[in-house]
Protein backbone atom coordinates (compact mmCIF):
# COMPACT_ATOMS: atom_id res chain seq x y z
CA MET A 1 -19.59 -8.34 -17.79
CA PHE A 2 -16.71 -5.85 -17.61
CA VAL A 3 -19.08 -3.21 -16.19
CA LEU A 4 -20.18 -5.41 -13.27
CA PRO A 5 -17.05 -5.22 -11.05
CA ASN A 6 -16.64 -1.52 -11.84
CA LEU A 7 -20.16 -0.93 -10.51
CA PHE A 8 -18.98 -2.16 -7.11
CA THR A 9 -16.01 0.22 -7.29
CA VAL A 10 -18.21 3.17 -8.23
CA SER A 11 -20.54 2.29 -5.34
CA SER A 12 -17.54 2.57 -3.03
CA ILE A 13 -16.88 6.08 -4.43
CA PHE A 14 -20.50 7.01 -3.75
CA CYS A 15 -20.16 5.88 -0.12
CA GLY A 16 -16.99 7.93 0.27
CA VAL A 17 -18.56 11.10 -1.15
CA TYR A 18 -21.66 10.59 1.01
CA SER A 19 -19.43 10.28 4.09
CA ILE A 20 -17.63 13.51 3.17
CA THR A 21 -20.93 15.41 2.86
CA LEU A 22 -22.04 14.14 6.28
CA SER A 23 -18.73 15.01 7.93
CA ALA A 24 -18.73 18.50 6.40
CA GLY A 25 -22.28 19.16 7.60
CA GLU A 26 -23.51 19.86 11.09
CA PRO A 27 -21.00 18.45 13.64
CA THR A 28 -23.35 16.14 15.51
CA GLY A 29 -22.78 12.64 16.81
CA GLU A 30 -25.47 11.28 14.50
CA ASN A 31 -23.81 12.70 11.40
CA PHE A 32 -20.40 11.38 12.42
CA TYR A 33 -21.88 7.94 13.11
CA ARG A 34 -23.60 7.86 9.69
CA ALA A 35 -20.40 9.05 8.00
CA ALA A 36 -18.48 6.20 9.64
CA VAL A 37 -21.10 3.65 8.60
CA ALA A 38 -20.94 4.98 5.00
CA ILE A 39 -17.18 4.31 4.92
CA PHE A 40 -17.82 0.84 6.33
CA PHE A 41 -20.24 0.07 3.48
CA GLY A 42 -17.64 1.46 1.07
CA SER A 43 -15.17 -1.13 2.36
CA PHE A 44 -17.82 -3.81 1.73
CA PHE A 45 -18.11 -2.81 -1.93
CA ASP A 46 -14.32 -2.52 -2.22
CA ALA A 47 -13.86 -6.05 -0.87
CA PHE A 48 -16.17 -7.55 -3.48
CA ASP A 49 -15.18 -5.75 -6.69
CA GLY A 50 -11.98 -7.78 -7.07
CA ARG A 51 -13.75 -11.05 -6.26
CA VAL A 52 -16.48 -10.32 -8.79
CA ALA A 53 -13.82 -9.54 -11.41
CA ARG A 54 -12.08 -12.86 -10.74
CA LEU A 55 -15.33 -14.83 -10.79
CA THR A 56 -16.44 -13.28 -14.09
CA ARG A 57 -12.87 -13.29 -15.52
CA THR A 58 -13.09 -9.57 -16.26
CA GLN A 59 -9.85 -8.46 -14.58
CA SER A 60 -8.18 -5.53 -16.32
CA ASP A 61 -5.62 -2.78 -15.73
CA PHE A 62 -8.47 -0.29 -15.97
CA GLY A 63 -10.19 -1.93 -13.01
CA VAL A 64 -6.99 -1.85 -10.94
CA GLU A 65 -6.45 1.85 -11.53
CA LEU A 66 -10.13 2.69 -10.91
CA ASP A 67 -10.06 0.74 -7.66
CA SER A 68 -7.03 2.70 -6.44
CA LEU A 69 -8.65 6.03 -7.30
CA ALA A 70 -11.79 4.96 -5.45
CA ASP A 71 -9.75 3.95 -2.40
CA VAL A 72 -8.11 7.39 -2.27
CA ILE A 73 -11.56 8.96 -1.97
CA SER A 74 -13.34 6.41 0.22
CA PHE A 75 -10.49 5.39 2.56
CA GLY A 76 -8.10 8.33 2.29
CA VAL A 77 -9.95 11.63 1.99
CA ALA A 78 -13.24 10.61 3.64
CA PRO A 79 -11.69 9.23 6.88
CA ALA A 80 -9.29 12.19 7.03
CA ILE A 81 -12.16 14.69 6.94
CA LEU A 82 -14.20 12.57 9.35
CA VAL A 83 -11.48 12.30 11.99
CA TYR A 84 -10.66 16.01 11.66
CA LYS A 85 -14.26 17.18 12.11
CA TRP A 86 -14.90 14.55 14.79
CA ALA A 87 -11.87 14.94 17.07
CA LEU A 88 -9.06 17.14 15.68
CA THR A 89 -10.89 20.43 15.05
CA GLY A 90 -9.73 21.86 18.36
CA MET A 91 -6.08 21.40 17.33
CA GLY A 92 -6.39 24.06 14.61
CA ILE A 93 -3.82 23.90 11.83
CA GLY A 94 -2.17 20.92 13.55
CA GLY A 95 -5.32 18.86 13.11
CA ILE A 96 -5.49 19.79 9.43
CA VAL A 97 -1.85 18.77 8.92
CA ILE A 98 -2.36 15.43 10.68
CA SER A 99 -5.43 14.66 8.58
CA ALA A 100 -3.57 15.65 5.39
CA VAL A 101 -0.64 13.41 6.34
CA TYR A 102 -3.04 10.47 6.66
CA ALA A 103 -4.58 11.13 3.22
CA ALA A 104 -1.14 11.62 1.61
CA CYS A 105 0.27 8.41 3.12
CA GLY A 106 -2.80 6.54 1.87
CA ALA A 107 -2.19 7.80 -1.67
CA ILE A 108 1.49 6.82 -1.46
CA ARG A 109 0.50 3.38 -0.20
CA LEU A 110 -1.84 2.86 -3.16
CA ALA A 111 0.75 4.05 -5.69
CA ARG A 112 3.28 1.56 -4.31
CA PHE A 113 0.68 -1.20 -4.38
CA ASN A 114 0.00 -0.56 -8.07
CA VAL A 115 3.73 -0.68 -8.89
CA LEU A 116 4.17 -3.97 -7.03
CA ALA A 117 1.02 -5.43 -8.58
CA HIS A 118 2.39 -4.80 -12.09
CA ALA A 119 5.85 -6.11 -11.19
CA GLU A 120 4.78 -9.31 -9.40
CA SER A 121 2.64 -12.17 -10.62
CA GLY A 122 0.70 -14.86 -8.83
CA THR A 123 -1.10 -14.82 -5.50
CA GLN A 124 0.42 -12.41 -2.99
CA ARG A 125 0.62 -13.78 0.55
CA TYR A 126 1.45 -10.44 2.16
CA PHE A 127 0.64 -6.77 1.78
CA VAL A 128 3.64 -4.44 2.01
CA GLY A 129 2.39 -1.90 4.53
CA LEU A 130 -1.01 -1.68 6.18
CA PRO A 131 -3.76 -1.69 3.51
CA ILE A 132 -5.63 1.63 3.40
CA PRO A 133 -9.11 0.05 3.82
CA LEU A 134 -7.98 -1.48 7.11
CA ALA A 135 -6.46 1.81 8.28
CA ALA A 136 -9.75 3.53 7.49
CA GLY A 137 -11.61 0.68 9.20
CA MET A 138 -9.63 1.31 12.38
CA LEU A 139 -10.69 4.97 12.41
CA VAL A 140 -14.29 4.06 11.59
CA ALA A 141 -14.37 1.47 14.39
CA LEU A 142 -13.03 4.11 16.80
CA VAL A 143 -15.75 6.58 15.80
CA ILE A 144 -18.45 3.94 16.22
CA ALA A 145 -17.04 2.76 19.57
CA LEU A 146 -16.82 6.26 21.08
CA ASN A 147 -20.05 7.59 19.58
CA SER A 148 -22.08 6.87 22.70
CA LEU A 149 -19.55 8.65 24.96
CA GLY A 150 -20.35 12.10 23.61
CA SER A 151 -17.46 14.33 22.57
CA PRO A 152 -14.26 12.34 21.90
CA ALA A 153 -12.20 15.31 23.08
CA GLU A 154 -13.82 14.96 26.49
CA ALA A 155 -13.72 11.14 26.49
CA VAL A 156 -10.08 10.44 25.50
CA GLY A 157 -8.69 13.79 24.34
CA PRO A 158 -7.53 14.82 20.86
CA TRP A 159 -3.86 13.90 21.31
CA PRO A 160 -4.31 10.10 21.63
CA ILE A 161 -6.50 10.15 18.50
CA ALA A 162 -3.91 12.27 16.67
CA ALA A 163 -1.19 9.80 17.69
CA LEU A 164 -3.31 6.92 16.36
CA VAL A 165 -3.82 8.71 13.02
CA LEU A 166 -0.08 9.31 12.66
CA ALA A 167 0.68 5.69 13.61
CA LEU A 168 -1.72 4.41 10.96
CA SER A 169 -0.13 6.77 8.43
CA PHE A 170 3.31 5.36 9.21
CA LEU A 171 2.10 1.75 9.00
CA MET A 172 0.64 2.36 5.54
CA VAL A 173 3.94 3.56 4.05
CA SER A 174 6.13 1.15 6.05
CA THR A 175 7.53 -2.16 4.78
CA ILE A 176 5.81 -4.19 7.49
CA HIS A 177 4.13 -7.25 5.96
CA TYR A 178 0.46 -7.97 6.64
CA ARG A 179 -1.20 -11.21 5.68
CA THR A 180 -3.66 -11.23 2.78
CA PHE A 181 -5.17 -14.60 3.81
CA LYS A 182 -5.60 -15.39 0.11
CA GLU A 183 -3.78 -18.71 0.55
CA ALA A 184 -6.24 -19.85 3.22
CA GLY A 185 -8.15 -22.82 1.84
CA LEU A 186 -11.31 -24.54 2.95
CA ASN A 187 -9.95 -26.92 5.58
CA ALA A 188 -10.33 -27.78 9.25
CA ARG A 189 -7.66 -25.34 10.39
CA THR A 190 -9.24 -22.40 8.57
CA LEU A 191 -12.67 -23.31 9.95
CA LEU A 192 -11.26 -23.49 13.48
CA VAL A 193 -9.63 -20.05 13.19
CA PHE A 194 -12.86 -18.60 11.77
CA LEU A 195 -14.90 -20.00 14.67
CA ALA A 196 -12.36 -18.60 17.15
CA VAL A 197 -12.64 -15.15 15.59
CA ILE A 198 -16.45 -15.31 15.77
CA ALA A 199 -16.28 -16.46 19.40
CA VAL A 200 -14.06 -13.52 20.34
CA GLY A 201 -16.50 -11.09 18.71
CA VAL A 202 -19.49 -12.63 20.49
CA ALA A 203 -17.68 -12.53 23.83
CA VAL A 204 -16.78 -8.85 23.41
CA ALA A 205 -20.35 -8.00 22.37
CA ILE A 206 -21.86 -9.77 25.38
CA ARG A 207 -19.35 -8.88 28.07
CA VAL A 208 -18.54 -5.31 27.01
CA ARG A 209 -20.38 -3.57 24.15
CA PRO A 210 -21.25 -4.58 20.57
CA SER A 211 -19.78 -1.32 19.25
CA LEU A 212 -16.31 -2.49 20.34
CA VAL A 213 -16.28 -5.64 18.20
CA LEU A 214 -14.92 -3.95 15.06
CA LEU A 215 -12.33 -2.07 17.11
CA VAL A 216 -11.07 -5.34 18.59
CA TYR A 217 -10.92 -7.03 15.17
CA PHE A 218 -8.95 -4.25 13.48
CA SER A 219 -6.64 -3.88 16.48
CA CYS A 220 -5.87 -7.61 16.45
CA TYR A 221 -5.03 -7.53 12.72
CA ILE A 222 -2.67 -4.57 13.15
CA LEU A 223 -0.99 -6.20 16.15
CA LEU A 224 -0.68 -9.48 14.22
CA GLY A 225 1.34 -7.75 11.50
CA LEU A 226 3.56 -6.00 14.05
CA GLY A 227 4.14 -9.24 15.97
CA GLU A 228 5.08 -11.20 12.86
CA GLU A 229 7.44 -8.41 11.82
CA LEU A 230 9.22 -8.57 15.18
CA LEU A 231 9.49 -12.36 15.10
CA PHE A 232 10.07 -13.14 11.42
CA GLY A 233 10.90 -9.81 9.78
CA ARG A 234 14.69 -10.21 9.86
CA ARG A 235 14.50 -13.77 8.52
CA ARG A 236 12.09 -12.71 5.77
CA ARG A 237 14.33 -9.84 4.65
CA ALA A 238 17.41 -12.08 4.63
CA ALA A 239 15.62 -14.65 2.46
CA ALA A 240 14.44 -11.93 0.06
CA ARG A 241 18.00 -10.51 -0.15
CA ALA A 242 19.45 -13.97 -0.88
CA THR A 243 16.86 -14.57 -3.60
CA ALA A 244 17.61 -11.21 -5.20
CA GLU A 245 21.35 -11.91 -5.19
CA ALA A 246 20.83 -15.37 -6.69
CA THR A 247 18.70 -14.05 -9.53
CA GLU A 248 20.91 -11.04 -10.24
CA LEU A 249 22.69 -11.40 -13.59
CA PRO A 250 26.38 -10.47 -13.88
CA ALA A 251 27.07 -7.19 -15.60
CA PRO A 252 28.29 -7.59 -19.22
CA PRO A 253 31.95 -6.63 -19.83
CA GLU A 254 32.56 -3.19 -21.23
CA PRO A 255 33.44 -3.32 -24.94
CA GLU A 256 36.85 -2.08 -25.96
CA GLU A 257 36.83 1.25 -27.66
CA PRO A 258 37.52 0.67 -31.39
CA LEU A 259 40.17 2.64 -33.16
CA LEU A 260 39.04 5.28 -35.57
CA PRO A 261 40.17 4.94 -39.23
CA ALA A 262 42.35 8.02 -38.92
CA GLU A 263 44.09 6.54 -35.88
CA GLU A 264 44.77 3.26 -37.71
CA ASP A 265 46.49 5.07 -40.58
CA GLU A 266 48.77 7.13 -38.37
CA VAL A 267 52.40 5.89 -38.30
CA PRO A 268 55.18 7.46 -36.23
CA LEU A 269 57.62 9.58 -38.23
CA GLU A 270 60.67 7.67 -37.00
CA SER A 271 59.16 4.36 -38.09
CA ALA A 272 58.30 5.79 -41.49
CA ALA A 273 61.83 7.12 -41.99
CA ALA A 274 63.37 3.80 -40.99
CA ALA A 275 61.09 1.95 -43.36
CA GLY A 276 62.03 4.29 -46.22
CA ALA A 277 65.78 3.89 -45.55
CA SER A 278 65.58 0.11 -45.51
CA GLY A 279 63.61 0.21 -48.74
CA SER A 280 66.29 2.30 -50.51
CA ASP A 281 69.11 0.00 -49.30
CA ASP A 282 67.30 -2.98 -50.65
CA GLY A 283 67.05 -1.25 -54.02
CA GLU A 284 70.74 -0.48 -54.19
CA ASN A 285 71.75 -4.07 -53.47
CA ASP A 286 69.51 -5.47 -56.12
CA PRO A 287 71.30 -6.83 -59.16
């Protein structure tokens, strides 16, 4: 039972490695499209490993760490190589640096997620920073959407794509909150939102192109997080600061430094002489 969720995680690693081999091969539109689809299937396996672990009650720290390592490969390194070979090759060393920044920010994002996961308990309503699978999904959706337009450098140019990669890198390491939707229950409101999302996808597929549906979905999620941060970010930070101050314990008082035995035995010379003189006078007056 403990092996079952880890099989989903390992399948995600396989999809990431397969995408890397396709991206590093012959630079054709077909290979780039297949590499993007491989990352998409990797996100499918990544989305289900945690749910399988919860259903089978086989959650463990080992599974959390393995999942993060798999995400670095499937959603950090694989999309970085894909976007470099697909659109940033003409930028030379600049394209390599931009791709490396994306992979590094993804690793930092996962490390912070692990620290927060160990420090917090219960269901998390928000992700701190854009989750790396969704950042990779945005790049994958862009590759799929522009695949039919030929070379992306000729269609939109390398600089807009480079700016998007840097923006996604910043969002991953930022403190912008993104909804996890884990608190969404099975009710009429959730069903209505789900139907609205499906209707938007169908409308985009019919009116424009089906390859743009994923791009619209990921763009809406990213814009939702940015919009909520602009509207409620200051209030959320103030509430978190007030909670931290309320739960902060006062610092214990510093203990007084005890006297050493040698210091306790020391007596000033003048006091000792006075004590001796008074002692001798008392002796002389005794009967």
